[in-house]
Every structure is written in C-alpha cells, then in structure tokens.
C-alpha cells in the first residue's frame, strides 16, 4: 500500500472542456482543494457528451492544472 489517503468527496470533472472552460475548471479545482477535496475523477471519455473532437480534453485540463501545483 502507498499510504496515500484521499478525501471522501470526489470532484467529478466530466464537464471540463465542454460546459466548463479551462479557466472555469481551474477555478473549480482551486475551490475544491481549498475545501479539502483532493480526489478528482477524470476519464479519457470525458467531456460529456463525448465527441471525437474533444475526447480526452478533460484529462488535459486536469493535467495542466496539476502541473502548476506543488505536490508532495
């Protein structure tokens, strides 16, 4: 086991890249972390509704946000 412990509440990211812009998604994730959430759900199928043009954009947005954050 890794010993990592995540929050009991998960932030779903399925609207990032479709209903929520990258700027809005960053603000949502920032607010979630401020509230103690550190468990994000992302999938290669997102955003919803799926389209060939935007498949995977949610993971890219979450990845860009994570890259800019300090981690330990």
Protein backbone atom coordinates (compact mmCIF):
# COMPACT_ATOMS: atom_id res chain seq x y z
CA UNK A 1 0.00 0.00 0.00
CA UNK A 2 1.15 3.51 -0.74
CA UNK A 3 -0.13 5.12 2.44
CA UNK A 4 -1.84 7.84 0.42
CA UNK A 5 -5.19 8.98 1.77
CA UNK A 6 -7.67 10.90 -0.36
CA UNK A 7 -10.71 12.92 0.55
CA UNK A 8 -14.03 11.13 0.98
CA UNK A 9 -15.60 13.53 -1.50
CA UNK A 10 -14.66 13.34 -5.18
CA UNK A 11 -14.82 16.16 -7.71
CA UNK A 12 -16.26 14.95 -10.99
CA UNK A 13 -14.63 16.66 -13.97
CA UNK A 14 -16.84 15.39 -16.78
CA UNK A 15 -17.96 18.90 -17.78
CA UNK A 16 -14.43 20.33 -18.12
CA UNK A 17 -13.75 21.25 -21.73
CA UNK A 18 -17.41 21.26 -22.77
CA UNK A 19 -19.72 23.03 -20.31
CA UNK A 20 -16.84 24.46 -18.24
CA UNK A 21 -13.94 26.27 -19.91
CA UNK A 22 -10.35 25.65 -18.80
CA UNK A 23 -10.41 28.90 -16.80
CA UNK A 24 -13.63 27.85 -15.07
CA UNK A 25 -12.28 24.34 -14.47
CA UNK A 26 -9.13 25.74 -12.84
CA UNK A 27 -11.29 27.90 -10.55
CA UNK A 28 -13.47 24.90 -9.66
CA UNK A 29 -10.44 22.74 -8.84
CA UNK A 30 -8.84 25.54 -6.81
CA UNK A 31 -12.02 25.92 -4.78
CA UNK A 32 -12.32 22.16 -4.29
CA UNK A 33 -8.78 21.97 -2.89
CA UNK A 34 -9.49 24.93 -0.59
CA UNK A 35 -12.46 22.92 0.74
CA UNK A 36 -10.28 19.84 1.35
CA UNK A 37 -11.08 17.82 -1.77
CA UNK A 38 -8.07 16.10 -3.32
CA UNK A 39 -9.80 13.28 -5.20
CA UNK A 40 -10.67 14.15 -8.81
CA UNK A 41 -12.45 11.86 -11.25
CA UNK A 42 -11.26 12.13 -14.85
CA UNK A 43 -11.58 9.71 -17.76
CA UNK A 44 -10.40 9.57 -21.36
CA UNK A 45 -14.06 9.53 -22.37
CA UNK A 46 -14.74 12.98 -20.91
CA UNK A 47 -16.10 15.57 -21.51
CA UNK A 48 -19.75 14.61 -21.56
CA UNK A 49 -21.38 14.44 -24.01
CA UNK A 50 -18.41 12.76 -25.71
CA UNK A 51 -17.25 13.79 -29.14
CA UNK A 52 -14.31 12.70 -31.27
CA UNK A 53 -13.13 16.32 -31.40
CA UNK A 54 -12.93 16.79 -27.62
CA UNK A 55 -12.25 13.31 -26.27
CA UNK A 56 -9.51 13.50 -23.62
CA UNK A 57 -9.65 17.30 -23.19
CA UNK A 58 -10.82 16.93 -19.59
CA UNK A 59 -7.71 14.92 -18.69
CA UNK A 60 -5.54 17.53 -20.41
CA UNK A 61 -7.15 20.35 -18.42
CA UNK A 62 -6.72 18.49 -15.13
CA UNK A 63 -3.12 17.67 -16.09
CA UNK A 64 -2.27 21.31 -16.86
CA UNK A 65 -3.81 22.37 -13.55
CA UNK A 66 -1.86 19.68 -11.64
CA UNK A 67 1.40 20.60 -13.38
CA UNK A 68 1.13 24.13 -12.00
CA UNK A 69 0.53 22.96 -8.39
CA UNK A 70 3.12 21.98 -5.78
CA UNK A 71 2.90 18.32 -4.91
CA UNK A 72 4.45 16.17 -2.23
